[in-house]
Amino acid sequence: MLRIDQGSVTIDGLDVTKLSYVDLRSRINVVPQDPFLMPGTLRFNIDPFQTVTDEEIIRALEKVGLWNAIQTDGGLDKSMEMASWSVGQRQLLCLARAIVRKSKILILDEATSRLVATED
């Protein structure tokens, strides 16, 4: 996000130019077209700040349809191997991360552009 040099931006009546960038970024969640995941475990990628329970992570993964595959493949503590995940699956992981963060503002940047519908 860029610094605002003139004018103002208000969200829920609060002038965001008065907030620190750290505080502002912590309140906004973005699910990008090109999913951003980090080296580490699935748990770390869904909840990097360790603020939610395993049950909340699992619920989010169930909502996006990935929990069964993750559970079968080693669970939340399995290391992320980027090559084994499709771009659509990585987008779903980012969506699960957004679900557990519970930010009031969610920005979707073509977040479903690479998802493929499947029949279950």
PDB file of N, CA and C in Angstrom:
ATOM      1  N   MET A   1       0.837  -1.174   0.000  1.00  0.00           N
ATOM      2  CA  MET A   1       0.000   0.000   0.000  1.00  0.00           C
ATOM      3  C   MET A   1       0.882   1.237   0.000  1.00  0.00           C
ATOM      4  N   LEU A   2       0.435   2.229  -0.695  1.00  0.00           N
ATOM      5  CA  LEU A   2       1.195   3.457  -0.839  1.00  0.00           C
ATOM      6  C   LEU A   2       0.799   4.490   0.211  1.00  0.00           C
ATOM      7  N   ARG A   3       1.751   5.345   0.538  1.00  0.00           N
ATOM      8  CA  ARG A   3       1.498   6.436   1.476  1.00  0.00           C
ATOM      9  C   ARG A   3       0.561   7.445   0.806  1.00  0.00           C
ATOM     10  N   ILE A   4      -0.383   7.951   1.537  1.00  0.00           N
ATOM     11  CA  ILE A   4      -1.317   8.955   1.024  1.00  0.00           C
ATOM     12  C   ILE A   4      -0.721  10.331   1.296  1.00  0.00           C
ATOM     13  N   ASP A   5      -0.452  11.085   0.227  1.00  0.00           N
ATOM     14  CA  ASP A   5       0.156  12.407   0.366  1.00  0.00           C
ATOM     15  C   ASP A   5      -0.864  13.523   0.524  1.00  0.00           C
ATOM     16  N   GLN A   6      -2.055  13.314  -0.019  1.00  0.00           N
ATOM     17  CA  GLN A   6      -3.091  14.339   0.112  1.00  0.00           C
ATOM     18  C   GLN A   6      -4.457  13.669   0.125  1.00  0.00           C
ATOM     19  N   GLY A   7      -5.433  14.356   0.664  1.00  0.00           N
ATOM     20  CA  GLY A   7      -6.767  13.798   0.777  1.00  0.00           C
ATOM     21  C   GLY A   7      -6.855  12.846   1.958  1.00  0.00           C
ATOM     22  N   SER A   8      -7.899  12.056   1.963  1.00  0.00           N
ATOM     23  CA  SER A   8      -8.058  11.103   3.060  1.00  0.00           C
ATOM     24  C   SER A   8      -8.836   9.892   2.572  1.00  0.00           C
ATOM     25  N   VAL A   9      -8.698   8.840   3.299  1.00  0.00           N
ATOM     26  CA  VAL A   9      -9.456   7.610   3.065  1.00  0.00           C
ATOM     27  C   VAL A   9     -10.054   7.234   4.402  1.00  0.00           C
ATOM     28  N   THR A  10     -11.360   7.072   4.439  1.00  0.00           N
ATOM     29  CA  THR A  10     -11.996   6.670   5.692  1.00  0.00           C
ATOM     30  C   THR A  10     -12.670   5.321   5.518  1.00  0.00           C
ATOM     31  N   ILE A  11     -12.565   4.534   6.536  1.00  0.00           N
ATOM     32  CA  ILE A  11     -13.220   3.228   6.596  1.00  0.00           C
ATOM     33  C   ILE A  11     -13.943   3.175   7.926  1.00  0.00           C
ATOM     34  N   ASP A  12     -15.238   2.950   7.879  1.00  0.00           N
ATOM     35  CA  ASP A  12     -16.064   2.955   9.095  1.00  0.00           C
ATOM     36  C   ASP A  12     -15.867   4.237   9.903  1.00  0.00           C
ATOM     37  N   GLY A  13     -15.732   5.361   9.199  1.00  0.00           N
ATOM     38  CA  GLY A  13     -15.588   6.653   9.862  1.00  0.00           C
ATOM     39  C   GLY A  13     -14.202   6.937  10.407  1.00  0.00           C
ATOM     40  N   LEU A  14     -13.251   6.041  10.214  1.00  0.00           N
ATOM     41  CA  LEU A  14     -11.898   6.209  10.726  1.00  0.00           C
ATOM     42  C   LEU A  14     -10.976   6.616   9.581  1.00  0.00           C
ATOM     43  N   ASP A  15     -10.262   7.710   9.740  1.00  0.00           N
ATOM     44  CA  ASP A  15      -9.306   8.170   8.741  1.00  0.00           C
ATOM     45  C   ASP A  15      -8.074   7.265   8.809  1.00  0.00           C
ATOM     46  N   VAL A  16      -7.892   6.443   7.772  1.00  0.00           N
ATOM     47  CA  VAL A  16      -6.806   5.464   7.810  1.00  0.00           C
ATOM     48  C   VAL A  16      -5.426   6.101   7.699  1.00  0.00           C
ATOM     49  N   THR A  17      -5.369   7.363   7.281  1.00  0.00           N
ATOM     50  CA  THR A  17      -4.070   8.035   7.228  1.00  0.00           C
ATOM     51  C   THR A  17      -3.527   8.284   8.627  1.00  0.00           C
ATOM     52  N   LYS A  18      -4.376   8.175   9.628  1.00  0.00           N
ATOM     53  CA  LYS A  18      -3.957   8.377  11.021  1.00  0.00           C
ATOM     54  C   LYS A  18      -3.441   7.084  11.662  1.00  0.00           C
ATOM     55  N   LEU A  19      -3.609   5.953  10.973  1.00  0.00           N
ATOM     56  CA  LEU A  19      -3.147   4.670  11.500  1.00  0.00           C
ATOM     57  C   LEU A  19      -1.728   4.383  11.031  1.00  0.00           C
ATOM     58  N   SER A  20      -1.002   3.613  11.808  1.00  0.00           N
ATOM     59  CA  SER A  20       0.313   3.155  11.350  1.00  0.00           C
ATOM     60  C   SER A  20       0.088   2.120  10.246  1.00  0.00           C
ATOM     61  N   TYR A  21       1.071   1.977   9.374  1.00  0.00           N
ATOM     62  CA  TYR A  21       0.932   0.996   8.295  1.00  0.00           C
ATOM     63  C   TYR A  21       0.781  -0.418   8.846  1.00  0.00           C
ATOM     64  N   VAL A  22       1.480  -0.727   9.904  1.00  0.00           N
ATOM     65  CA  VAL A  22       1.387  -2.055  10.508  1.00  0.00           C
ATOM     66  C   VAL A  22      -0.035  -2.308  10.987  1.00  0.00           C
ATOM     67  N   ASP A  23      -0.612  -1.327  11.680  1.00  0.00           N
ATOM     68  CA  ASP A  23      -1.974  -1.470  12.186  1.00  0.00           C
ATOM     69  C   ASP A  23      -2.976  -1.587  11.037  1.00  0.00           C
ATOM     70  N   LEU A  24      -2.815  -0.741  10.027  1.00  0.00           N
ATOM     71  CA  LEU A  24      -3.725  -0.773   8.884  1.00  0.00           C
ATOM     72  C   LEU A  24      -3.647  -2.102   8.150  1.00  0.00           C
ATOM     73  N   ARG A  25      -2.447  -2.563   7.871  1.00  0.00           N
ATOM     74  CA  ARG A  25      -2.276  -3.836   7.153  1.00  0.00           C
ATOM     75  C   ARG A  25      -2.808  -5.009   7.959  1.00  0.00           C
ATOM     76  N   SER A  26      -2.758  -4.926   9.256  1.00  0.00           N
ATOM     77  CA  SER A  26      -3.258  -6.032  10.085  1.00  0.00           C
ATOM     78  C   SER A  26      -4.776  -6.141  10.038  1.00  0.00           C
ATOM     79  N   ARG A  27      -5.448  -5.064   9.613  1.00  0.00           N
ATOM     80  CA  ARG A  27      -6.912  -5.048   9.575  1.00  0.00           C
ATOM     81  C   ARG A  27      -7.483  -5.339   8.189  1.00  0.00           C
ATOM     82  N   ILE A  28      -6.612  -5.422   7.196  1.00  0.00           N
ATOM     83  CA  ILE A  28      -7.049  -5.671   5.825  1.00  0.00           C
ATOM     84  C   ILE A  28      -6.454  -6.988   5.368  1.00  0.00           C
ATOM     85  N   ASN A  29      -7.255  -7.799   4.713  1.00  0.00           N
ATOM     86  CA  ASN A  29      -6.796  -9.085   4.225  1.00  0.00           C
ATOM     87  C   ASN A  29      -6.943  -9.101   2.707  1.00  0.00           C
ATOM     88  N   VAL A  30      -5.930  -9.592   2.019  1.00  0.00           N
ATOM     89  CA  VAL A  30      -5.944  -9.646   0.562  1.00  0.00           C
ATOM     90  C   VAL A  30      -5.748 -11.089   0.119  1.00  0.00           C
ATOM     91  N   VAL A  31      -6.614 -11.539  -0.795  1.00  0.00           N
ATOM     92  CA  VAL A  31      -6.432 -12.832  -1.445  1.00  0.00           C
ATOM     93  C   VAL A  31      -6.067 -12.510  -2.892  1.00  0.00           C
ATOM     94  N   PRO A  32      -4.785 -12.702  -3.256  1.00  0.00           N
ATOM     95  CA  PRO A  32      -4.320 -12.268  -4.569  1.00  0.00           C
ATOM     96  C   PRO A  32      -4.591 -13.300  -5.673  1.00  0.00           C
ATOM     97  N   GLN A  33      -4.492 -12.820  -6.913  1.00  0.00           N
ATOM     98  CA  GLN A  33      -4.613 -13.714  -8.069  1.00  0.00           C
ATOM     99  C   GLN A  33      -3.460 -14.720  -8.054  1.00  0.00           C
ATOM    100  N   ASP A  34      -2.267 -14.240  -7.770  1.00  0.00           N
ATOM    101  CA  ASP A  34      -1.099 -15.113  -7.663  1.00  0.00           C
ATOM    102  C   ASP A  34      -0.879 -15.398  -6.189  1.00  0.00           C
ATOM    103  N   PRO A  35      -1.259 -16.586  -5.742  1.00  0.00           N
ATOM    104  CA  PRO A  35      -1.235 -16.892  -4.305  1.00  0.00           C
ATOM    105  C   PRO A  35       0.163 -16.784  -3.705  1.00  0.00           C
ATOM    106  N   PHE A  36       0.211 -16.190  -2.527  1.00  0.00           N
ATOM    107  CA  PHE A  36       1.472 -16.036  -1.806  1.00  0.00           C
ATOM    108  C   PHE A  36       1.490 -17.017  -0.644  1.00  0.00           C
ATOM    109  N   LEU A  37       2.394 -17.977  -0.725  1.00  0.00           N
ATOM    110  CA  LEU A  37       2.597 -18.931   0.363  1.00  0.00           C
ATOM    111  C   LEU A  37       4.080 -18.948   0.695  1.00  0.00           C
ATOM    112  N   MET A  38       4.382 -19.305   1.934  1.00  0.00           N
ATOM    113  CA  MET A  38       5.753 -19.257   2.415  1.00  0.00           C
ATOM    114  C   MET A  38       6.269 -20.653   2.695  1.00  0.00           C
ATOM    115  N   PRO A  39       7.584 -20.824   2.678  1.00  0.00           N
ATOM    116  CA  PRO A  39       8.139 -22.110   3.098  1.00  0.00           C
ATOM    117  C   PRO A  39       7.725 -22.373   4.542  1.00  0.00           C
ATOM    118  N   GLY A  40       7.435 -23.591   4.842  1.00  0.00           N
ATOM    119  CA  GLY A  40       7.003 -23.946   6.190  1.00  0.00           C
ATOM    120  C   GLY A  40       5.845 -24.922   6.116  1.00  0.00           C
ATOM    121  N   THR A  41       5.167 -25.068   7.215  1.00  0.00           N
ATOM    122  CA  THR A  41       4.069 -26.030   7.285  1.00  0.00           C
ATOM    123  C   THR A  41       2.770 -25.418   6.768  1.00  0.00           C
ATOM    124  N   LEU A  42       1.802 -26.277   6.535  1.00  0.00           N
ATOM    125  CA  LEU A  42       0.469 -25.803   6.172  1.00  0.00           C
ATOM    126  C   LEU A  42      -0.104 -24.941   7.287  1.00  0.00           C
ATOM    127  N   ARG A  43       0.090 -25.377   8.516  1.00  0.00           N
ATOM    128  CA  ARG A  43      -0.397 -24.616   9.676  1.00  0.00           C
ATOM    129  C   ARG A  43       0.172 -23.193   9.654  1.00  0.00           C
ATOM    130  N   PHE A  44       1.483 -23.061   9.420  1.00  0.00           N
ATOM    131  CA  PHE A  44       2.125 -21.752   9.377  1.00  0.00           C
ATOM    132  C   PHE A  44       1.556 -20.894   8.246  1.00  0.00           C
ATOM    133  N   ASN A  45       1.283 -21.504   7.097  1.00  0.00           N
ATOM    134  CA  ASN A  45       0.756 -20.751   5.967  1.00  0.00           C
ATOM    135  C   ASN A  45      -0.680 -20.296   6.181  1.00  0.00           C
ATOM    136  N   ILE A  46      -1.453 -21.034   6.932  1.00  0.00           N
ATOM    137  CA  ILE A  46      -2.830 -20.640   7.214  1.00  0.00           C
ATOM    138  C   ILE A  46      -2.878 -19.661   8.388  1.00  0.00           C
ATOM    139  N   ASP A  47      -2.045 -19.875   9.393  1.00  0.00           N
ATOM    140  CA  ASP A  47      -2.057 -19.037  10.602  1.00  0.00           C
ATOM    141  C   ASP A  47      -0.632 -18.665  11.010  1.00  0.00           C
ATOM    142  N   PRO A  48       0.026 -17.774  10.242  1.00  0.00           N
ATOM    143  CA  PRO A  48       1.436 -17.462  10.527  1.00  0.00           C
ATOM    144  C   PRO A  48       1.676 -16.808  11.881  1.00  0.00           C
ATOM    145  N   PHE A  49       0.663 -16.168  12.451  1.00  0.00           N
ATOM    146  CA  PHE A  49       0.837 -15.502  13.745  1.00  0.00           C
ATOM    147  C   PHE A  49       0.345 -16.348  14.913  1.00  0.00           C
ATOM    148  N   GLN A  50      -0.051 -17.583  14.643  1.00  0.00           N
ATOM    149  CA  GLN A  50      -0.501 -18.537  15.668  1.00  0.00           C
ATOM    150  C   GLN A  50      -1.560 -17.939  16.575  1.00  0.00           C
ATOM    151  N   THR A  51      -2.649 -17.459  15.957  1.00  0.00           N
ATOM    152  CA  THR A  51      -3.704 -16.796  16.721  1.00  0.00           C
ATOM    153  C   THR A  51      -4.989 -17.602  16.816  1.00  0.00           C
ATOM    154  N   VAL A  52      -5.085 -18.726  16.105  1.00  0.00           N
ATOM    155  CA  VAL A  52      -6.322 -19.501  16.121  1.00  0.00           C
ATOM    156  C   VAL A  52      -6.047 -20.957  16.473  1.00  0.00           C
ATOM    157  N   THR A  53      -7.100 -21.666  16.801  1.00  0.00           N
ATOM    158  CA  THR A  53      -6.972 -23.077  17.181  1.00  0.00           C
ATOM    159  C   THR A  53      -6.903 -23.958  15.934  1.00  0.00           C
ATOM    160  N   ASP A  54      -6.450 -25.185  16.145  1.00  0.00           N
ATOM    161  CA  ASP A  54      -6.451 -26.160  15.051  1.00  0.00           C
ATOM    162  C   ASP A  54      -7.856 -26.373  14.508  1.00  0.00           C
ATOM    163  N   GLU A  55      -8.842 -26.361  15.397  1.00  0.00           N
ATOM    164  CA  GLU A  55     -10.223 -26.571  14.964  1.00  0.00           C
ATOM    165  C   GLU A  55     -10.668 -25.481  13.991  1.00  0.00           C
ATOM    166  N   GLU A  56     -10.267 -24.229  14.250  1.00  0.00           N
ATOM    167  CA  GLU A  56     -10.627 -23.134  13.350  1.00  0.00           C
ATOM    168  C   GLU A  56      -9.924 -23.273  11.998  1.00  0.00           C
ATOM    169  N   ILE A  57      -8.676 -23.708  12.020  1.00  0.00           N
ATOM    170  CA  ILE A  57      -7.944 -23.933  10.775  1.00  0.00           C
ATOM    171  C   ILE A  57      -8.606 -25.047   9.981  1.00  0.00           C
ATOM    172  N   ILE A  58      -8.936 -26.132  10.657  1.00  0.00           N
ATOM    173  CA  ILE A  58      -9.566 -27.271   9.983  1.00  0.00           C
ATOM    174  C   ILE A  58     -10.913 -26.870   9.409  1.00  0.00           C
ATOM    175  N   ARG A  59     -11.706 -26.103  10.149  1.00  0.00           N
ATOM    176  CA  ARG A  59     -13.005 -25.631   9.636  1.00  0.00           C
ATOM    177  C   ARG A  59     -12.829 -24.808   8.366  1.00  0.00           C
ATOM    178  N   ALA A  60     -11.837 -23.930   8.357  1.00  0.00           N
ATOM    179  CA  ALA A  60     -11.576 -23.105   7.174  1.00  0.00           C
ATOM    180  C   ALA A  60     -11.155 -23.979   5.997  1.00  0.00           C
ATOM    181  N   LEU A  61     -10.312 -24.963   6.254  1.00  0.00           N
ATOM    182  CA  LEU A  61      -9.880 -25.873   5.182  1.00  0.00           C
ATOM    183  C   LEU A  61     -11.027 -26.728   4.681  1.00  0.00           C
ATOM    184  N   GLU A  62     -11.941 -27.092   5.576  1.00  0.00           N
ATOM    185  CA  GLU A  62     -13.143 -27.823   5.142  1.00  0.00           C
ATOM    186  C   GLU A  62     -14.011 -26.938   4.253  1.00  0.00           C
ATOM    187  N   LYS A  63     -14.152 -25.666   4.622  1.00  0.00           N
ATOM    188  CA  LYS A  63     -14.983 -24.739   3.844  1.00  0.00           C
ATOM    189  C   LYS A  63     -14.472 -24.582   2.423  1.00  0.00           C
ATOM    190  N   VAL A  64     -13.153 -24.611   2.244  1.00  0.00           N
ATOM    191  CA  VAL A  64     -12.600 -24.450   0.897  1.00  0.00           C
ATOM    192  C   VAL A  64     -12.372 -25.792   0.204  1.00  0.00           C
ATOM    193  N   GLY A  65     -12.723 -26.881   0.884  1.00  0.00           N
ATOM    194  CA  GLY A  65     -12.673 -28.208   0.261  1.00  0.00           C
ATOM    195  C   GLY A  65     -11.304 -28.865   0.209  1.00  0.00           C
ATOM    196  N   LEU A  66     -10.393 -28.465   1.088  1.00  0.00           N
ATOM    197  CA  LEU A  66      -9.042 -29.036   1.064  1.00  0.00           C
ATOM    198  C   LEU A  66      -8.705 -29.932   2.246  1.00  0.00           C
ATOM    199  N   TRP A  67      -9.527 -29.922   3.284  1.00  0.00           N
ATOM    200  CA  TRP A  67      -9.135 -30.630   4.509  1.00  0.00           C
ATOM    201  C   TRP A  67      -8.930 -32.124   4.289  1.00  0.00           C
ATOM    202  N   ASN A  68      -9.795 -32.793   3.568  1.00  0.00           N
ATOM    203  CA  ASN A  68      -9.638 -34.245   3.377  1.00  0.00           C
ATOM    204  C   ASN A  68      -8.298 -34.580   2.729  1.00  0.00           C
ATOM    205  N   ALA A  69      -7.917 -33.837   1.707  1.00  0.00           N
ATOM    206  CA  ALA A  69      -6.635 -34.078   1.036  1.00  0.00           C
ATOM    207  C   ALA A  69      -5.465 -33.786   1.965  1.00  0.00           C
ATOM    208  N   ILE A  70      -5.567 -32.718   2.737  1.00  0.00           N
ATOM    209  CA  ILE A  70      -4.492 -32.353   3.657  1.00  0.00           C
ATOM    210  C   ILE A  70      -4.378 -33.384   4.772  1.00  0.00           C
ATOM    211  N   GLN A  71      -5.504 -33.826   5.290  1.00  0.00           N
ATOM    212  CA  GLN A  71      -5.510 -34.819   6.367  1.00  0.00           C
ATOM    213  C   GLN A  71      -4.891 -36.130   5.881  1.00  0.00           C
ATOM    214  N   THR A  72      -5.225 -36.525   4.675  1.00  0.00           N
ATOM    215  CA  THR A  72      -4.698 -37.767   4.099  1.00  0.00           C
ATOM    216  C   THR A  72      -3.205 -37.662   3.829  1.00  0.00           C
ATOM    217  N   ASP A  73      -2.740 -36.454   3.514  1.00  0.00           N
ATOM    218  CA  ASP A  73      -1.351 -36.258   3.096  1.00  0.00           C
ATOM    219  C   ASP A  73      -0.417 -35.841   4.230  1.00  0.00           C
ATOM    220  N   GLY A  74      -0.835 -35.923   5.470  1.00  0.00           N
ATOM    221  CA  GLY A  74       0.085 -35.636   6.564  1.00  0.00           C
ATOM    222  C   GLY A  74      -0.379 -34.585   7.549  1.00  0.00           C
ATOM    223  N   GLY A  75      -1.481 -33.908   7.266  1.00  0.00           N
ATOM    224  CA  GLY A  75      -2.040 -32.974   8.233  1.00  0.00           C
ATOM    225  C   GLY A  75      -1.419 -31.593   8.211  1.00  0.00           C
ATOM    226  N   LEU A  76      -1.726 -30.828   9.230  1.00  0.00           N
ATOM    227  CA  LEU A  76      -1.340 -29.425   9.307  1.00  0.00           C
ATOM    228  C   LEU A  76       0.156 -29.202   9.450  1.00  0.00           C
ATOM    229  N   ASP A  77       0.889 -30.180   9.977  1.00  0.00           N
ATOM    230  CA  ASP A  77       2.312 -29.988  10.223  1.00  0.00           C
ATOM    231  C   ASP A  77       3.195 -30.466   9.079  1.00  0.00           C
ATOM    232  N   LYS A  78       2.573 -30.859   7.981  1.00  0.00           N
ATOM    233  CA  LYS A  78       3.354 -31.264   6.807  1.00  0.00           C
ATOM    234  C   LYS A  78       3.932 -30.017   6.144  1.00  0.00           C
ATOM    235  N   SER A  79       5.178 -30.112   5.707  1.00  0.00           N
ATOM    236  CA  SER A  79       5.818 -28.989   5.017  1.00  0.00           C
ATOM    237  C   SER A  79       5.152 -28.746   3.676  1.00  0.00           C
ATOM    238  N   MET A  80       5.053 -27.474   3.325  1.00  0.00           N
ATOM    239  CA  MET A  80       4.492 -27.087   2.027  1.00  0.00           C
ATOM    240  C   MET A  80       5.486 -27.447   0.936  1.00  0.00           C
ATOM    241  N   GLU A  81       5.035 -28.216  -0.020  1.00  0.00           N
ATOM    242  CA  GLU A  81       5.834 -28.498  -1.206  1.00  0.00           C
ATOM    243  C   GLU A  81       5.077 -27.860  -2.352  1.00  0.00           C
ATOM    244  N   MET A  82       5.495 -26.658  -2.745  1.00  0.00           N
ATOM    245  CA  MET A  82       4.750 -25.847  -3.711  1.00  0.00           C
ATOM    246  C   MET A  82       4.452 -26.592  -5.000  1.00  0.00           C
ATOM    247  N   ALA A  83       5.386 -27.420  -5.452  1.00  0.00           N
ATOM    248  CA  ALA A  83       5.204 -28.116  -6.727  1.00  0.00           C
ATOM    249  C   ALA A  83       4.054 -29.119  -6.683  1.00  0.00           C
ATOM    250  N   SER A  84       3.674 -29.547  -5.494  1.00  0.00           N
ATOM    251  CA  SER A  84       2.607 -30.545  -5.399  1.00  0.00           C
ATOM    252  C   SER A  84       1.213 -29.918  -5.324  1.00  0.00           C
ATOM    253  N   TRP A  85       1.121 -28.583  -5.314  1.00  0.00           N
ATOM    254  CA  TRP A  85      -0.152 -27.880  -5.235  1.00  0.00           C
ATOM    255  C   TRP A  85      -0.407 -27.137  -6.535  1.00  0.00           C
ATOM    256  N   SER A  86      -1.601 -27.261  -7.069  1.00  0.00           N
ATOM    257  CA  SER A  86      -1.960 -26.472  -8.246  1.00  0.00           C
ATOM    258  C   SER A  86      -2.139 -25.016  -7.825  1.00  0.00           C
ATOM    259  N   VAL A  87      -2.140 -24.113  -8.800  1.00  0.00           N
ATOM    260  CA  VAL A  87      -2.349 -22.702  -8.482  1.00  0.00           C
ATOM    261  C   VAL A  87      -3.723 -22.511  -7.843  1.00  0.00           C
ATOM    262  N   GLY A  88      -4.732 -23.228  -8.354  1.00  0.00           N
ATOM    263  CA  GLY A  88      -6.070 -23.140  -7.774  1.00  0.00           C
ATOM    264  C   GLY A  88      -6.102 -23.591  -6.325  1.00  0.00           C
ATOM    265  N   GLN A  89      -5.391 -24.671  -6.007  1.00  0.00           N
ATOM    266  CA  GLN A  89      -5.333 -25.144  -4.617  1.00  0.00           C
ATOM    267  C   GLN A  89      -4.615 -24.132  -3.731  1.00  0.00           C
ATOM    268  N   ARG A  90      -3.576 -23.509  -4.258  1.00  0.00           N
ATOM    269  CA  ARG A  90      -2.874 -22.487  -3.481  1.00  0.00           C
ATOM    270  C   ARG A  90      -3.773 -21.278  -3.233  1.00  0.00           C
ATOM    271  N   GLN A  91      -4.614 -20.926  -4.221  1.00  0.00           N
ATOM    272  CA  GLN A  91      -5.574 -19.845  -4.011  1.00  0.00           C
ATOM    273  C   GLN A  91      -6.557 -20.223  -2.905  1.00  0.00           C
ATOM    274  N   LEU A  92      -6.978 -21.484  -2.885  1.00  0.00           N
ATOM    275  CA  LEU A  92      -7.886 -21.939  -1.832  1.00  0.00           C
ATOM    276  C   LEU A  92      -7.212 -21.870  -0.464  1.00  0.00           C
ATOM    277  N   LEU A  93      -5.933 -22.188  -0.385  1.00  0.00           N
ATOM    278  CA  LEU A  93      -5.208 -22.056   0.881  1.00  0.00           C
ATOM    279  C   LEU A  93      -5.178 -20.607   1.333  1.00  0.00           C
ATOM    280  N   CYS A  94      -4.981 -19.676   0.396  1.00  0.00           N
ATOM    281  CA  CYS A  94      -5.004 -18.243   0.747  1.00  0.00           C
ATOM    282  C   CYS A  94      -6.397 -17.825   1.205  1.00  0.00           C
ATOM    283  N   LEU A  95      -7.423 -18.390   0.601  1.00  0.00           N
ATOM    284  CA  LEU A  95      -8.789 -18.103   1.025  1.00  0.00           C
ATOM    285  C   LEU A  95      -9.036 -18.650   2.434  1.00  0.00           C
ATOM    286  N   ALA A  96      -8.526 -19.836   2.721  1.00  0.00           N
ATOM    287  CA  ALA A  96      -8.640 -20.396   4.076  1.00  0.00           C
ATOM    288  C   ALA A  96      -7.924 -19.498   5.078  1.00  0.00           C
ATOM    289  N   ARG A  97      -6.771 -18.969   4.698  1.00  0.00           N
ATOM    290  CA  ARG A  97      -6.044 -18.033   5.573  1.00  0.00           C
ATOM    291  C   ARG A  97      -6.892 -16.792   5.844  1.00  0.00           C
ATOM    292  N   ALA A  98      -7.572 -16.302   4.813  1.00  0.00           N
ATOM    293  CA  ALA A  98      -8.445 -15.132   4.990  1.00  0.00           C
ATOM    294  C   ALA A  98      -9.603 -15.456   5.931  1.00  0.00           C
ATOM    295  N   ILE A  99     -10.128 -16.662   5.838  1.00  0.00           N
ATOM    296  CA  ILE A  99     -11.239 -17.068   6.702  1.00  0.00           C
ATOM    297  C   ILE A  99     -10.808 -17.061   8.165  1.00  0.00           C
ATOM    298  N   VAL A 100      -9.631 -17.583   8.470  1.00  0.00           N
ATOM    299  CA  VAL A 100      -9.216 -17.646   9.871  1.00  0.00           C
ATOM    300  C   VAL A 100      -8.792 -16.278  10.408  1.00  0.00           C
ATOM    301  N   ARG A 101      -8.361 -15.365   9.544  1.00  0.00           N
ATOM    302  CA  ARG A 101      -7.966 -14.023  10.014  1.00  0.00           C
ATOM    303  C   ARG A 101      -9.159 -13.173  10.413  1.00  0.00           C
ATOM    304  N   LYS A 102     -10.306 -13.397   9.815  1.00  0.00           N
ATOM    305  CA  LYS A 102     -11.534 -12.688  10.173  1.00  0.00           C
ATOM    306  C   LYS A 102     -11.391 -11.169  10.090  1.00  0.00           C
ATOM    307  N   SER A 103     -10.681 -10.683   9.097  1.00  0.00           N
ATOM    308  CA  SER A 103     -10.559  -9.236   8.902  1.00  0.00           C
ATOM    309  C   SER A 103     -11.888  -8.667   8.460  1.00  0.00           C
ATOM    310  N   LYS A 104     -12.144  -7.423   8.849  1.00  0.00           N
ATOM    311  CA  LYS A 104     -13.376  -6.777   8.431  1.00  0.00           C
ATOM    312  C   LYS A 104     -13.338  -6.405   6.953  1.00  0.00           C
ATOM    313  N   ILE A 105     -12.142  -6.221   6.414  1.00  0.00           N
ATOM    314  CA  ILE A 105     -12.001  -5.857   5.009  1.00  0.00           C
ATOM    315  C   ILE A 105     -11.244  -6.961   4.293  1.00  0.00           C
ATOM    316  N   LEU A 106     -11.834  -7.471   3.242  1.00  0.00           N
ATOM    317  CA  LEU A 106     -11.227  -8.520   2.434  1.00  0.00           C
ATOM    318  C   LEU A 106     -11.183  -8.034   0.994  1.00  0.00           C
ATOM    319  N   ILE A 107      -9.990  -7.972   0.429  1.00  0.00           N
ATOM    320  CA  ILE A 107      -9.811  -7.563  -0.951  1.00  0.00           C
ATOM    321  C   ILE A 107      -9.509  -8.808  -1.769  1.00  0.00           C
ATOM    322  N   LEU A 108     -10.329  -9.059  -2.777  1.00  0.00           N
ATOM    323  CA  LEU A 108     -10.153 -10.223  -3.645  1.00  0.00           C
ATOM    324  C   LEU A 108      -9.642  -9.738  -4.996  1.00  0.00           C
ATOM    325  N   ASP A 109      -8.400 -10.082  -5.319  1.00  0.00           N
ATOM    326  CA  ASP A 109      -7.799  -9.686  -6.585  1.00  0.00           C
ATOM    327  C   ASP A 109      -7.862 -10.885  -7.534  1.00  0.00           C
ATOM    328  N   GLU A 110      -8.979 -11.017  -8.204  1.00  0.00           N
ATOM    329  CA  GLU A 110      -9.216 -12.161  -9.092  1.00  0.00           C
ATOM    330  C   GLU A 110      -8.854 -13.464  -8.374  1.00  0.00           C
ATOM    331  N   ALA A 111      -9.314 -13.556  -7.162  1.00  0.00           N
ATOM    332  CA  ALA A 111      -8.900 -14.660  -6.262  1.00  0.00           C
ATOM    333  C   ALA A 111      -9.378 -16.019  -6.719  1.00  0.00           C
ATOM    334  N   THR A 112     -10.349 -16.073  -7.584  1.00  0.00           N
ATOM    335  CA  THR A 112     -10.845 -17.378  -8.042  1.00  0.00           C
ATOM    336  C   THR A 112     -10.526 -17.593  -9.520  1.00  0.00           C
ATOM    337  N   SER A 113      -9.581 -16.856 -10.067  1.00  0.00           N
ATOM    338  CA  SER A 113      -9.305 -16.912 -11.496  1.00  0.00           C
ATOM    339  C   SER A 113      -8.776 -18.268 -11.957  1.00  0.00           C
ATOM    340  N   ARG A 114      -8.177 -19.010 -11.076  1.00  0.00           N
ATOM    341  CA  ARG A 114      -7.586 -20.285 -11.475  1.00  0.00           C
ATOM    342  C   ARG A 114      -8.218 -21.484 -10.784  1.00  0.00           C
ATOM    343  N   LEU A 115      -9.368 -21.255 -10.183  1.00  0.00           N
ATOM    344  CA  LEU A 115     -10.071 -22.359  -9.540  1.00  0.00           C
ATOM    345  C   LEU A 115     -10.876 -23.124 -10.581  1.00  0.00           C
ATOM    346  N   VAL A 116     -10.943 -24.408 -10.401  1.00  0.00           N
ATOM    347  CA  VAL A 116     -11.689 -25.254 -11.313  1.00  0.00           C
ATOM    348  C   VAL A 116     -12.800 -25.924 -10.515  1.00  0.00           C
ATOM    349  N   ALA A 117     -14.025 -25.828 -11.007  1.00  0.00           N
ATOM    350  CA  ALA A 117     -15.154 -26.470 -10.318  1.00  0.00           C
ATOM    351  C   ALA A 117     -15.073 -27.972 -10.524  1.00  0.00           C
ATOM    352  N   THR A 118     -15.353 -28.698  -9.464  1.00  0.00           N
ATOM    353  CA  THR A 118     -15.390 -30.163  -9.537  1.00  0.00           C
ATOM    354  C   THR A 118     -16.696 -30.644  -8.956  1.00  0.00           C
ATOM    355  N   GLU A 119     -17.102 -31.806  -9.390  1.00  0.00           N
ATOM    356  CA  GLU A 119     -18.316 -32.402  -8.839  1.00  0.00           C
ATOM    357  C   GLU A 119     -17.921 -33.423  -7.812  1.00  0.00           C
ATOM    358  N   ASP A 120     -18.584 -33.383  -6.650  1.00  0.00           N
ATOM    359  CA  ASP A 120     -18.296 -34.358  -5.583  1.00  0.00           C
ATOM    360  C   ASP A 120     -19.446 -35.312  -5.459  1.00  0.00           C
TER     361      ASP A 120
END
